[in-house]
Protein backbone atom coordinates (compact mmCIF):
# COMPACT_ATOMS: atom_id res chain seq x y z
CA UNK A 1 -17.27 -85.11 -16.32
CA UNK A 2 -17.50 -81.40 -15.64
CA UNK A 3 -18.83 -79.02 -17.91
CA UNK A 4 -16.07 -75.98 -18.11
CA UNK A 5 -16.95 -72.80 -16.28
CA UNK A 6 -15.45 -71.12 -18.58
CA UNK A 7 -16.28 -69.67 -21.73
CA UNK A 8 -15.44 -67.96 -25.19
CA UNK A 9 -17.25 -64.42 -25.60
CA UNK A 10 -19.78 -63.88 -28.65
CA UNK A 11 -19.19 -60.27 -30.47
CA UNK A 12 -22.71 -60.86 -28.79
CA UNK A 13 -21.42 -60.65 -25.57
CA UNK A 14 -18.70 -57.98 -25.86
CA UNK A 15 -21.61 -55.47 -27.21
CA UNK A 16 -24.10 -56.12 -24.25
CA UNK A 17 -21.01 -55.63 -21.72
CA UNK A 18 -19.77 -52.31 -23.08
CA UNK A 19 -20.69 -48.89 -21.44
CA UNK A 20 -20.46 -45.57 -22.42
CA UNK A 21 -19.64 -42.57 -20.52
CA UNK A 22 -17.43 -39.53 -19.93
CA UNK A 23 -13.81 -39.70 -19.88
CA UNK A 24 -11.88 -39.25 -16.37
CA UNK A 25 -8.68 -37.98 -16.10
CA UNK A 26 -8.17 -41.35 -14.70
CA UNK A 27 -8.40 -42.71 -18.43
CA UNK A 28 -5.76 -41.06 -19.62
CA UNK A 29 -2.70 -43.48 -19.89
CA UNK A 30 -5.80 -45.80 -21.90
CA UNK A 31 -6.10 -42.73 -24.04
CA UNK A 32 -2.93 -41.80 -24.74
CA UNK A 33 -2.38 -45.03 -25.50
CA UNK A 34 -4.92 -45.55 -27.96
CA UNK A 35 -3.93 -42.17 -30.00
CA UNK A 36 -0.83 -43.66 -30.95
CA UNK A 37 -2.66 -46.32 -33.07
CA UNK A 38 -4.71 -43.37 -33.95
CA UNK A 39 -1.20 -42.46 -35.75
CA UNK A 40 -1.08 -39.42 -32.86
CA UNK A 41 1.67 -40.56 -30.16
CA UNK A 42 1.24 -38.82 -26.78
CA UNK A 43 2.14 -39.36 -23.25
CA UNK A 44 -0.41 -40.19 -20.32
CA UNK A 45 0.83 -36.95 -18.82
CA UNK A 46 -0.06 -35.02 -21.74
CA UNK A 47 -3.24 -35.98 -22.05
CA UNK A 48 -4.54 -35.68 -18.56
CA UNK A 49 -3.27 -32.25 -19.09
CA UNK A 50 -5.29 -31.94 -22.78
CA UNK A 51 -8.62 -33.38 -21.05
CA UNK A 52 -8.06 -30.85 -18.45
CA UNK A 53 -8.82 -28.22 -20.90
CA UNK A 54 -11.73 -29.82 -22.32
CA UNK A 55 -13.38 -31.06 -19.36
CA UNK A 56 -14.98 -27.54 -17.92
CA UNK A 57 -15.40 -26.59 -21.32
CA UNK A 58 -19.15 -26.50 -22.55
CA UNK A 59 -18.17 -26.92 -26.00
CA UNK A 60 -16.19 -30.05 -25.93
CA UNK A 61 -16.99 -33.72 -24.97
CA UNK A 62 -15.42 -36.49 -24.56
CA UNK A 63 -16.62 -40.68 -24.15
CA UNK A 64 -15.05 -43.74 -23.53
CA UNK A 65 -16.15 -46.71 -24.41
CA UNK A 66 -15.73 -49.20 -21.87
CA UNK A 67 -15.97 -52.99 -21.41
CA UNK A 68 -16.01 -55.10 -18.35
CA UNK A 69 -12.81 -57.63 -19.19
CA UNK A 70 -11.28 -54.96 -21.13
CA UNK A 71 -11.14 -51.54 -19.78
CA UNK A 72 -11.41 -48.67 -21.88
CA UNK A 73 -11.71 -49.57 -25.61
CA UNK A 74 -12.37 -46.54 -27.85
CA UNK A 75 -12.44 -42.77 -27.11
CA UNK A 76 -14.18 -40.16 -29.03
CA UNK A 77 -14.13 -36.11 -28.70
CA UNK A 78 -16.65 -34.11 -30.08
CA UNK A 79 -17.23 -30.35 -29.90
CA UNK A 80 -19.89 -27.65 -31.05
CA UNK A 81 -18.89 -25.36 -33.70
CA UNK A 82 -20.91 -22.58 -33.72
CA UNK A 83 -20.30 -20.66 -37.78
CA UNK A 84 -20.92 -17.69 -39.04
CA UNK A 85 -21.28 -19.55 -42.50
CA UNK A 86 -23.41 -22.73 -41.39
CA UNK A 87 -26.51 -23.50 -38.42
CA UNK A 88 -24.76 -24.96 -35.54
CA UNK A 89 -23.04 -28.06 -35.55
CA UNK A 90 -21.23 -30.39 -34.27
CA UNK A 91 -17.67 -31.86 -34.96
CA UNK A 92 -16.73 -35.34 -34.10
CA UNK A 93 -12.35 -34.72 -33.70
CA UNK A 94 -11.37 -37.93 -32.93
CA UNK A 95 -12.65 -41.38 -32.84
CA UNK A 96 -10.37 -44.36 -31.63
CA UNK A 97 -11.49 -48.42 -31.31
CA UNK A 98 -8.29 -50.34 -29.97
CA UNK A 99 -6.94 -52.92 -32.65
CA UNK A 100 -8.57 -56.06 -32.07
CA UNK A 101 -11.83 -54.94 -30.71
CA UNK A 102 -13.13 -52.97 -34.06
CA UNK A 103 -16.40 -53.60 -35.75
CA UNK A 104 -17.77 -55.17 -32.57
CA UNK A 105 -20.32 -52.06 -31.95
CA UNK A 106 -18.16 -49.52 -29.68
CA UNK A 107 -17.58 -47.35 -32.26
CA UNK A 108 -21.34 -46.82 -33.03
CA UNK A 109 -22.21 -46.85 -30.08
CA UNK A 110 -19.49 -43.57 -29.24
CA UNK A 111 -20.57 -42.05 -32.59
CA UNK A 112 -24.75 -42.19 -31.57
CA UNK A 113 -23.57 -40.86 -27.97
CA UNK A 114 -21.89 -37.79 -29.82
CA UNK A 115 -25.01 -37.38 -32.09
CA UNK A 116 -27.45 -37.67 -28.89
CA UNK A 117 -25.07 -35.14 -27.48
CA UNK A 118 -24.91 -32.73 -30.77
CA UNK A 119 -28.59 -33.14 -30.63
CA UNK A 120 -29.38 -31.68 -26.91
CA UNK A 121 -27.06 -29.04 -27.60
CA UNK A 122 -28.60 -27.41 -29.77
CA UNK A 123 -26.89 -28.72 -33.25
CA UNK A 124 -27.95 -29.45 -36.71
CA UNK A 125 -25.37 -31.48 -38.26
CA UNK A 126 -22.71 -33.58 -37.22
CA UNK A 127 -19.04 -33.55 -39.15
CA UNK A 128 -16.56 -35.45 -39.24
CA UNK A 129 -13.06 -35.46 -41.14
CA UNK A 130 -11.11 -38.05 -42.09
CA UNK A 131 -7.53 -38.76 -43.57
CA UNK A 132 -8.45 -39.95 -47.11
CA UNK A 133 -5.38 -42.79 -45.72
CA UNK A 134 -8.64 -44.05 -43.58
CA UNK A 135 -10.55 -46.32 -46.24
CA UNK A 136 -12.01 -48.37 -43.19
CA UNK A 137 -13.30 -45.44 -41.23
CA UNK A 138 -14.69 -43.80 -44.12
CA UNK A 139 -16.50 -47.25 -44.90
CA UNK A 140 -17.45 -47.06 -41.13
CA UNK A 141 -19.30 -43.01 -41.44
CA UNK A 142 -20.86 -44.42 -44.72
CA UNK A 143 -22.37 -47.01 -43.13
CA UNK A 144 -23.88 -44.71 -40.09
CA UNK A 145 -25.87 -42.36 -42.39
CA UNK A 146 -22.26 -39.86 -43.47
CA UNK A 147 -21.78 -38.77 -46.79
CA UNK A 148 -19.33 -37.56 -48.25
CA UNK A 149 -19.17 -33.39 -49.17
CA UNK A 150 -16.09 -32.14 -49.78
CA UNK A 151 -12.41 -32.97 -50.41
CA UNK A 152 -9.97 -29.92 -48.91
CA UNK A 153 -6.18 -29.05 -47.81
CA UNK A 154 -5.53 -28.09 -44.69
CA UNK A 155 -3.23 -25.87 -43.72
CA UNK A 156 -0.82 -25.37 -40.22
CA UNK A 157 1.41 -23.34 -38.60
CA UNK A 158 3.43 -23.56 -35.62
CA UNK A 159 2.67 -20.35 -32.78
């Protein structure tokens, strides 16, 4: 009897096939889906418009994690922040990996790519804000060398 040519992919196989690249306009629908998983529902058209605004901005980058078998499974938006009160820093504005794809290395690869981008752009520190209810995300950042240094309230005003 012939052995089946189908085999289950292990987490290590998925890590090997993962590619990190810049987001493109054609990724908008998938980025919108993932944004909804993060708790920020949006449409593909809205996401495409946001990408259009971010793409030419030298101080921003959007990276995606793409799997050969599953397509885009995560995204990270990073920006450079020139501030008066501290040295140039970068901030992770958003990071999401698809349900069912978490803890397989995509988030870590996206974060490492963003950190390298920040270094190349002269940033001295990287910061991230995470909702107080996202315990799993907090542990992820701590495992990657981030330390909790401040608790604050966020305010907004519609314009």
